[in-house]
């Protein structure tokens, strides 16, 4: 929204906008995060936030902004950065945790938030792997693909059938009809949305029954339990569920070899971003970005394991896969450049350096300290 206001006012930044249109109402935003060891994404975000008049506060390390060391007396003992002189020796306003929570809650309620927030289940509990072969497979980690017996079935022409299928794939515990309608038809009156839901559900089931030859009593593909609708795991295999099971296996792996096997399964499933090519508001808001971050982290872990085991070429392939999945992930590009330098492939390393600098310049941010060290090393080797 702020970017649009700047464009409409032909202003480059907030100070220029305030001079050109002093009466333009602007929301006061403060982004907060906790990252004890720092993160390149936070540095990027903080660099972008300042240009839009948005404040950013990070508890931990950051290569951007002003850094303050706060003592037990809530006083700034040391500061470095552009605001260091103003903040040094300042005493921070502070409240006990319970009092702070009460104040924040009252402010939120006063600005329109419901007094009592409904609890929301965030745990992604995927069904266990089945013993029998499932004839229907839904792949959503990347471009969505529906397959029956290994043959691709196109259901995109059936109104909302594909979107319903994908929604239930990312919510394996299932959703009630009203919740589904809120996702798929948020601006449609409740009764009409209910009709559209049943039409989409019928289209989905008909398409899969025609492709499999299974009758109504043999498979429903989307089953109903009470008020909840969910994908029938007995007949449908979903790659996203396999992905999360592989991640869980990697987290609980007893040794490096077992972790490598689990992460290789993750890498094999990473064909792209979640629902790549789909333009659903709900998938962008709640699912696509978290899965991309989890995928890149898993790939970086896998690449590091291969590198430590002396499998440098495989490590580079995995780092490249992470870069392709998220070209703005500074840590992925940095890992690939560092490995290319160590392998003596200076020309490729210099090309990656230029590509990374171009990406950062397009975002309007500077490289992190760790990345600058890798880039310096690449230049020295060159």
Protein backbone atom coordinates (compact mmCIF):
# COMPACT_ATOMS: atom_id res chain seq x y z
CA UNK A 1 0.00 0.00 0.00
CA UNK A 2 2.79 2.44 0.93
CA UNK A 3 4.58 1.62 -2.33
CA UNK A 4 1.40 2.50 -4.25
CA UNK A 5 1.02 5.80 -2.36
CA UNK A 6 4.63 6.71 -3.16
CA UNK A 7 4.09 5.88 -6.83
CA UNK A 8 0.83 7.84 -7.08
CA UNK A 9 2.48 10.86 -5.41
CA UNK A 10 5.61 10.51 -7.59
CA UNK A 11 7.75 10.43 -4.45
CA UNK A 12 10.88 8.30 -3.94
CA UNK A 13 10.66 7.96 -0.16
CA UNK A 14 8.62 8.91 2.89
CA UNK A 15 10.33 12.28 3.65
CA UNK A 16 9.70 13.38 0.05
CA UNK A 17 6.09 12.21 0.31
CA UNK A 18 5.54 14.19 3.52
CA UNK A 19 6.85 17.33 1.79
CA UNK A 20 4.68 16.76 -1.29
CA UNK A 21 1.51 15.59 0.48
CA UNK A 22 1.60 16.47 4.21
CA UNK A 23 -2.08 15.53 4.64
CA UNK A 24 -1.63 11.97 3.33
CA UNK A 25 -2.51 9.59 6.22
CA UNK A 26 0.19 6.99 6.82
CA UNK A 27 -0.03 4.04 9.18
CA UNK A 28 2.60 3.82 11.91
CA UNK A 29 4.13 0.34 11.67
CA UNK A 30 6.79 -1.32 13.81
CA UNK A 31 8.13 -4.75 12.83
CA UNK A 32 9.57 -6.80 15.68
CA UNK A 33 11.52 -10.06 15.66
CA UNK A 34 13.88 -12.12 17.79
CA UNK A 35 16.99 -13.63 16.17
CA UNK A 36 19.89 -14.17 18.52
CA UNK A 37 22.36 -15.10 15.77
CA UNK A 38 20.95 -12.83 13.07
CA UNK A 39 19.44 -13.71 9.71
CA UNK A 40 19.97 -12.35 6.20
CA UNK A 41 16.23 -12.09 5.65
CA UNK A 42 15.87 -9.78 8.64
CA UNK A 43 18.70 -7.61 7.32
CA UNK A 44 16.96 -7.42 3.95
CA UNK A 45 13.61 -6.65 5.55
CA UNK A 46 15.07 -3.93 7.77
CA UNK A 47 16.77 -2.33 4.80
CA UNK A 48 13.49 -2.22 2.88
CA UNK A 49 11.39 -1.13 5.87
CA UNK A 50 13.27 2.13 6.44
CA UNK A 51 12.62 3.32 2.88
CA UNK A 52 8.86 2.97 3.50
CA UNK A 53 8.82 4.70 6.87
CA UNK A 54 8.41 1.43 8.78
CA UNK A 55 10.29 0.87 12.01
CA UNK A 56 12.06 -2.40 12.76
CA UNK A 57 13.23 -3.78 16.10
CA UNK A 58 15.29 -6.98 16.32
CA UNK A 59 16.30 -8.59 19.59
CA UNK A 60 19.60 -10.25 18.71
CA UNK A 61 22.15 -9.57 15.99
CA UNK A 62 21.66 -7.59 12.80
CA UNK A 63 23.96 -6.05 10.23
CA UNK A 64 21.48 -3.22 9.57
CA UNK A 65 20.36 -0.21 11.59
CA UNK A 66 21.65 0.78 15.01
CA UNK A 67 22.76 -1.84 17.54
CA UNK A 68 22.38 -1.24 21.27
CA UNK A 69 23.79 -3.17 24.21
CA UNK A 70 21.26 -2.89 27.06
CA UNK A 71 22.29 -3.55 30.64
CA UNK A 72 20.29 -5.08 33.47
CA UNK A 73 19.25 -1.59 34.57
CA UNK A 74 17.49 -1.08 31.20
CA UNK A 75 20.06 1.53 30.19
CA UNK A 76 21.87 1.53 26.85
CA UNK A 77 25.48 0.78 27.75
CA UNK A 78 26.89 0.86 24.19
CA UNK A 79 25.53 1.71 20.77
CA UNK A 80 26.80 1.64 17.21
CA UNK A 81 25.19 2.82 13.99
CA UNK A 82 23.49 5.90 12.65
CA UNK A 83 21.47 6.62 15.82
CA UNK A 84 24.23 5.71 18.27
CA UNK A 85 24.73 9.22 19.66
CA UNK A 86 21.01 9.67 20.37
CA UNK A 87 20.57 6.28 22.03
CA UNK A 88 23.77 5.92 24.02
CA UNK A 89 23.10 6.20 27.80
CA UNK A 90 19.34 6.30 27.19
CA UNK A 91 17.08 4.46 29.65
CA UNK A 92 14.49 2.20 28.06
CA UNK A 93 10.88 2.31 29.19
CA UNK A 94 10.00 -1.12 30.54
CA UNK A 95 7.08 -3.09 31.97
CA UNK A 96 6.77 -6.51 33.60
CA UNK A 97 5.64 -9.17 31.14
CA UNK A 98 2.08 -9.46 32.48
CA UNK A 99 1.60 -5.69 32.49
CA UNK A 100 3.01 -5.36 28.98
CA UNK A 101 0.66 -8.09 27.71
CA UNK A 102 -2.33 -6.37 29.29
CA UNK A 103 -1.42 -2.99 27.77
CA UNK A 104 -0.85 -4.44 24.31
CA UNK A 105 -4.12 -6.36 24.48
CA UNK A 106 -6.04 -3.24 25.46
CA UNK A 107 -4.47 -1.27 22.61
CA UNK A 108 -5.32 -4.03 20.15
CA UNK A 109 -8.95 -4.25 21.31
CA UNK A 110 -9.22 -0.48 21.07
CA UNK A 111 -8.13 -0.71 17.45
CA UNK A 112 -10.71 -3.28 16.41
CA UNK A 113 -9.30 -6.67 17.45
CA UNK A 114 -11.89 -8.98 19.07
CA UNK A 115 -11.65 -9.08 22.85
CA UNK A 116 -11.28 -12.87 22.74
CA UNK A 117 -9.24 -14.39 19.97
CA UNK A 118 -10.37 -17.85 18.79
CA UNK A 119 -7.72 -20.49 19.16
CA UNK A 120 -6.34 -21.87 15.89
CA UNK A 121 -4.70 -25.20 15.39
CA UNK A 122 -1.34 -24.67 13.66
CA UNK A 123 0.11 -28.15 13.97
CA UNK A 124 0.38 -29.88 10.59
CA UNK A 125 -0.41 -33.46 11.51
CA UNK A 126 -0.04 -35.53 8.34
CA UNK A 127 -1.47 -39.03 7.96
CA UNK A 128 1.03 -41.88 8.36
CA UNK A 129 2.31 -43.54 5.17
CA UNK A 130 -0.01 -46.27 3.95
CA UNK A 131 0.93 -49.82 3.11
CA UNK A 132 -1.22 -50.06 -0.03
CA UNK A 133 -0.42 -48.26 -3.26
CA UNK A 134 -2.67 -45.25 -3.81
CA UNK A 135 -3.91 -44.77 -7.36
CA UNK A 136 -4.40 -41.00 -7.03
CA UNK A 137 -1.43 -38.71 -6.33
CA UNK A 138 -1.62 -34.96 -5.75
CA UNK A 139 1.67 -33.06 -6.05
CA UNK A 140 1.66 -29.48 -4.75
CA UNK A 141 5.34 -28.86 -3.88
CA UNK A 142 5.93 -27.09 -7.17
CA UNK A 143 3.46 -26.83 -10.02
CA UNK A 144 0.29 -28.73 -8.98
CA UNK A 145 -0.14 -32.08 -10.70
CA UNK A 146 -2.94 -34.63 -10.29
CA UNK A 147 -2.05 -38.16 -11.39
CA UNK A 148 -4.08 -41.36 -11.61
CA UNK A 149 -2.04 -44.54 -12.08
CA UNK A 150 0.90 -42.36 -13.13
CA UNK A 151 -1.12 -40.55 -15.80
CA UNK A 152 -1.67 -36.78 -15.48
CA UNK A 153 -5.31 -35.74 -15.09
CA UNK A 154 -6.25 -32.12 -15.80
CA UNK A 155 -8.95 -30.86 -13.43
CA UNK A 156 -8.10 -27.16 -13.75
CA UNK A 157 -11.12 -26.60 -15.99
CA UNK A 158 -13.56 -27.71 -13.31
CA UNK A 159 -14.59 -24.66 -11.31
CA UNK A 160 -12.71 -24.48 -8.01
CA UNK A 161 -12.14 -28.27 -7.91
CA UNK A 162 -8.35 -27.94 -8.05
CA UNK A 163 -8.28 -25.13 -5.49
CA UNK A 164 -10.41 -27.22 -3.11
CA UNK A 165 -8.05 -30.18 -3.56
CA UNK A 166 -4.96 -28.04 -2.89
CA UNK A 167 -6.55 -26.38 0.15
CA UNK A 168 -7.29 -29.73 1.76
CA UNK A 169 -3.76 -30.91 0.91
CA UNK A 170 -2.20 -28.11 3.00
CA UNK A 171 -4.73 -28.73 5.80
CA UNK A 172 -4.56 -32.55 6.20
CA UNK A 173 -6.63 -32.52 9.40
CA UNK A 174 -9.44 -31.12 7.30
CA UNK A 175 -11.72 -28.10 7.43
CA UNK A 176 -15.39 -27.50 8.03
CA UNK A 177 -17.51 -26.32 5.11
CA UNK A 178 -17.73 -22.77 6.49
CA UNK A 179 -13.93 -22.59 6.78
CA UNK A 180 -13.49 -23.84 3.23
CA UNK A 181 -15.94 -21.24 1.97
CA UNK A 182 -14.06 -18.47 3.79
CA UNK A 183 -10.92 -19.46 1.88
CA UNK A 184 -12.43 -20.05 -1.56
CA UNK A 185 -15.33 -17.57 -1.61
CA UNK A 186 -14.52 -14.92 1.03
CA UNK A 187 -16.77 -12.25 -0.53
CA UNK A 188 -19.74 -14.47 -1.34
CA UNK A 189 -22.90 -14.69 0.78
CA UNK A 190 -22.86 -17.78 3.01
CA UNK A 191 -25.73 -19.71 1.37
CA UNK A 192 -24.41 -19.13 -2.16
CA UNK A 193 -20.89 -20.06 -1.05
CA UNK A 194 -22.29 -23.32 0.34
CA UNK A 195 -23.84 -24.17 -3.03
CA UNK A 196 -20.56 -23.43 -4.78
CA UNK A 197 -18.66 -25.63 -2.31
CA UNK A 198 -20.86 -28.64 -3.01
CA UNK A 199 -20.56 -28.00 -6.76
CA UNK A 200 -16.74 -27.90 -6.54
CA UNK A 201 -16.68 -31.03 -4.36
CA UNK A 202 -18.90 -32.86 -6.86
CA UNK A 203 -16.68 -31.76 -9.79
CA UNK A 204 -13.58 -33.04 -7.98
CA UNK A 205 -15.09 -36.40 -7.12
CA UNK A 206 -16.54 -36.91 -10.61
CA UNK A 207 -13.18 -36.14 -12.24
CA UNK A 208 -11.35 -38.64 -10.04
CA UNK A 209 -14.02 -41.34 -10.35
CA UNK A 210 -14.03 -41.04 -14.12
CA UNK A 211 -10.23 -41.36 -14.15
CA UNK A 212 -10.01 -44.26 -11.69
CA UNK A 213 -13.22 -46.12 -12.57
CA UNK A 214 -14.01 -46.38 -8.86
CA UNK A 215 -17.64 -46.12 -7.82
CA UNK A 216 -19.18 -43.94 -5.10
CA UNK A 217 -19.07 -46.67 -2.46
CA UNK A 218 -15.47 -47.59 -3.28
CA UNK A 219 -13.89 -44.15 -2.83
CA UNK A 220 -15.01 -40.63 -2.02
CA UNK A 221 -11.49 -39.05 -2.34
CA UNK A 222 -12.69 -36.25 -0.03
CA UNK A 223 -14.30 -37.80 3.04
CA UNK A 224 -16.55 -36.21 5.62
CA UNK A 225 -16.19 -36.86 9.33
CA UNK A 226 -18.79 -34.97 11.32
CA UNK A 227 -18.56 -31.43 9.98
CA UNK A 228 -14.99 -31.84 8.74
CA UNK A 229 -13.99 -32.52 5.15
CA UNK A 230 -10.53 -33.93 4.43
CA UNK A 231 -8.65 -35.80 1.74
CA UNK A 232 -9.23 -39.55 1.94
CA UNK A 233 -5.70 -40.74 2.71
CA UNK A 234 -6.65 -44.32 1.89
CA UNK A 235 -7.00 -43.45 -1.80
CA UNK A 236 -4.97 -40.25 -2.28
CA UNK A 237 -1.21 -39.72 -1.83
CA UNK A 238 -0.06 -36.12 -1.32
CA UNK A 239 3.59 -35.18 -1.87
CA UNK A 240 3.39 -32.39 0.74
CA UNK A 241 2.60 -34.98 3.41
CA UNK A 242 5.58 -37.09 2.35
CA UNK A 243 7.69 -33.92 2.45
CA UNK A 244 6.75 -33.20 6.07
CA UNK A 245 7.31 -36.82 7.10
CA UNK A 246 10.80 -36.64 5.57
CA UNK A 247 11.51 -33.42 7.46
CA UNK A 248 10.40 -35.10 10.69
CA UNK A 249 12.68 -38.06 9.94
CA UNK A 250 15.60 -35.66 9.40
CA UNK A 251 14.97 -33.93 12.73
CA UNK A 252 14.96 -37.24 14.63
CA UNK A 253 17.75 -38.95 12.65
CA UNK A 254 20.21 -40.83 14.85
CA UNK A 255 23.27 -40.01 12.75
CA UNK A 256 24.48 -38.04 9.74
CA UNK A 257 23.83 -40.84 7.28
CA UNK A 258 20.19 -41.21 8.31
CA UNK A 259 19.75 -37.43 8.20
CA UNK A 260 21.25 -37.34 4.71
CA UNK A 261 18.83 -40.02 3.48
CA UNK A 262 15.84 -38.12 4.90
CA UNK A 263 16.98 -34.80 3.48
CA UNK A 264 17.61 -36.36 0.07
CA UNK A 265 13.94 -37.37 0.13
CA UNK A 266 13.06 -33.73 0.84
CA UNK A 267 15.29 -32.55 -2.02
CA UNK A 268 13.65 -35.01 -4.41
CA UNK A 269 10.23 -33.55 -3.60
CA UNK A 270 11.26 -29.89 -3.98
CA UNK A 271 10.14 -29.23 -7.55
CA UNK A 272 9.47 -25.56 -6.82
CA UNK A 273 7.46 -23.36 -4.49
CA UNK A 274 4.21 -24.55 -3.00
CA UNK A 275 1.44 -24.45 -5.61
CA UNK A 276 3.76 -22.76 -8.09
CA UNK A 277 1.76 -20.77 -10.62
CA UNK A 278 -1.41 -20.75 -8.50
CA UNK A 279 -2.71 -17.30 -7.58
CA UNK A 280 -4.72 -18.05 -4.47
CA UNK A 281 -4.65 -15.34 -1.79
CA UNK A 282 -4.88 -17.86 1.05
CA UNK A 283 -1.88 -19.88 -0.13
CA UNK A 284 0.34 -16.80 -0.26
CA UNK A 285 -0.75 -15.57 3.15
CA UNK A 286 -0.38 -18.72 5.22
CA UNK A 287 1.49 -21.50 3.44
CA UNK A 288 3.80 -20.73 0.50
CA UNK A 289 6.45 -18.66 2.25
CA UNK A 290 6.85 -20.88 5.36
CA UNK A 291 7.29 -23.95 3.15
CA UNK A 292 9.85 -22.17 0.96
CA UNK A 293 11.90 -21.24 4.03
CA UNK A 294 11.69 -24.79 5.40
CA UNK A 295 12.72 -26.20 2.01
CA UNK A 296 15.74 -23.93 1.63
CA UNK A 297 16.91 -24.65 5.19
CA UNK A 298 16.64 -28.40 4.55
CA UNK A 299 18.59 -28.10 1.29
CA UNK A 300 21.35 -26.08 2.97
CA UNK A 301 21.62 -28.73 5.68
CA UNK A 302 21.83 -31.45 3.04
CA UNK A 303 24.46 -29.56 1.07
CA UNK A 304 26.56 -29.07 4.19
CA UNK A 305 26.36 -32.79 5.01
CA UNK A 306 27.53 -33.73 1.51
CA UNK A 307 30.32 -31.15 1.64
CA UNK A 308 31.61 -32.46 4.97
CA UNK A 309 31.58 -36.00 3.54
CA UNK A 310 33.69 -34.89 0.58
CA UNK A 311 30.84 -35.04 -1.95
CA UNK A 312 31.42 -31.51 -3.21
CA UNK A 313 29.66 -31.86 -6.57
CA UNK A 314 26.47 -33.15 -4.97
CA UNK A 315 26.72 -30.38 -2.36
CA UNK A 316 26.93 -27.78 -5.13
CA UNK A 317 23.90 -29.28 -6.88
CA UNK A 318 21.89 -28.99 -3.65
CA UNK A 319 23.03 -25.40 -3.03
CA UNK A 320 22.03 -24.54 -6.61
CA UNK A 321 18.63 -26.11 -5.99
CA UNK A 322 18.19 -23.89 -2.93
CA UNK A 323 19.19 -20.82 -4.97
CA UNK A 324 16.68 -21.69 -7.69
CA UNK A 325 13.94 -22.18 -5.10
CA UNK A 326 14.55 -18.76 -3.58
CA UNK A 327 16.94 -16.50 -5.53
CA UNK A 328 16.75 -13.88 -2.76
CA UNK A 329 18.05 -16.26 -0.09
CA UNK A 330 21.46 -14.74 0.61
CA UNK A 331 22.70 -17.71 2.63
CA UNK A 332 22.07 -20.12 -0.27
CA UNK A 333 23.94 -17.98 -2.80
CA UNK A 334 26.74 -17.48 -0.29
CA UNK A 335 27.12 -21.24 0.25
CA UNK A 336 27.36 -21.88 -3.50
CA UNK A 337 29.95 -19.10 -4.01
CA UNK A 338 32.06 -20.29 -1.09
CA UNK A 339 32.11 -23.87 -2.37
CA UNK A 340 32.97 -22.78 -5.92
CA UNK A 341 35.92 -20.81 -4.54
CA UNK A 342 37.14 -23.82 -2.55
CA UNK A 343 36.84 -25.99 -5.67
CA UNK A 344 39.00 -23.51 -7.61
CA UNK A 345 36.21 -22.63 -10.05
CA UNK A 346 36.93 -18.90 -9.95
CA UNK A 347 35.09 -17.91 -13.14
CA UNK A 348 31.85 -19.49 -11.93
CA UNK A 349 32.32 -17.95 -8.50
CA UNK A 350 32.76 -14.45 -10.02
CA UNK A 351 29.61 -14.94 -12.11
CA UNK A 352 27.64 -15.91 -8.99
CA UNK A 353 29.07 -12.87 -7.18
CA UNK A 354 27.80 -10.54 -9.93
CA UNK A 355 24.39 -12.24 -9.89
CA UNK A 356 24.11 -11.93 -6.11
CA UNK A 357 25.13 -8.26 -6.14
CA UNK A 358 22.54 -7.57 -8.83
CA UNK A 359 19.81 -9.25 -6.76
CA UNK A 360 20.73 -7.29 -3.65
CA UNK A 361 20.89 -4.05 -5.62
CA UNK A 362 17.42 -4.73 -7.04
CA UNK A 363 16.15 -5.17 -3.47
CA UNK A 364 17.93 -2.00 -2.38
CA UNK A 365 19.89 -3.71 0.42
CA UNK A 366 23.51 -4.39 1.27
CA UNK A 367 25.12 -7.78 1.71
CA UNK A 368 25.46 -9.08 5.26
CA UNK A 369 28.85 -9.12 6.96
CA UNK A 370 29.17 -12.88 6.46
CA UNK A 371 28.33 -12.58 2.76
CA UNK A 372 30.78 -9.71 2.29
CA UNK A 373 33.52 -11.90 3.76
CA UNK A 374 32.74 -14.65 1.22
CA UNK A 375 32.67 -12.13 -1.64
CA UNK A 376 36.04 -10.72 -0.53
CA UNK A 377 37.45 -14.23 -0.46
CA UNK A 378 36.15 -14.85 -3.99
CA UNK A 379 37.78 -11.66 -5.23
CA UNK A 380 41.10 -12.51 -3.57
CA UNK A 381 41.11 -15.99 -5.15
CA UNK A 382 40.29 -14.47 -8.52
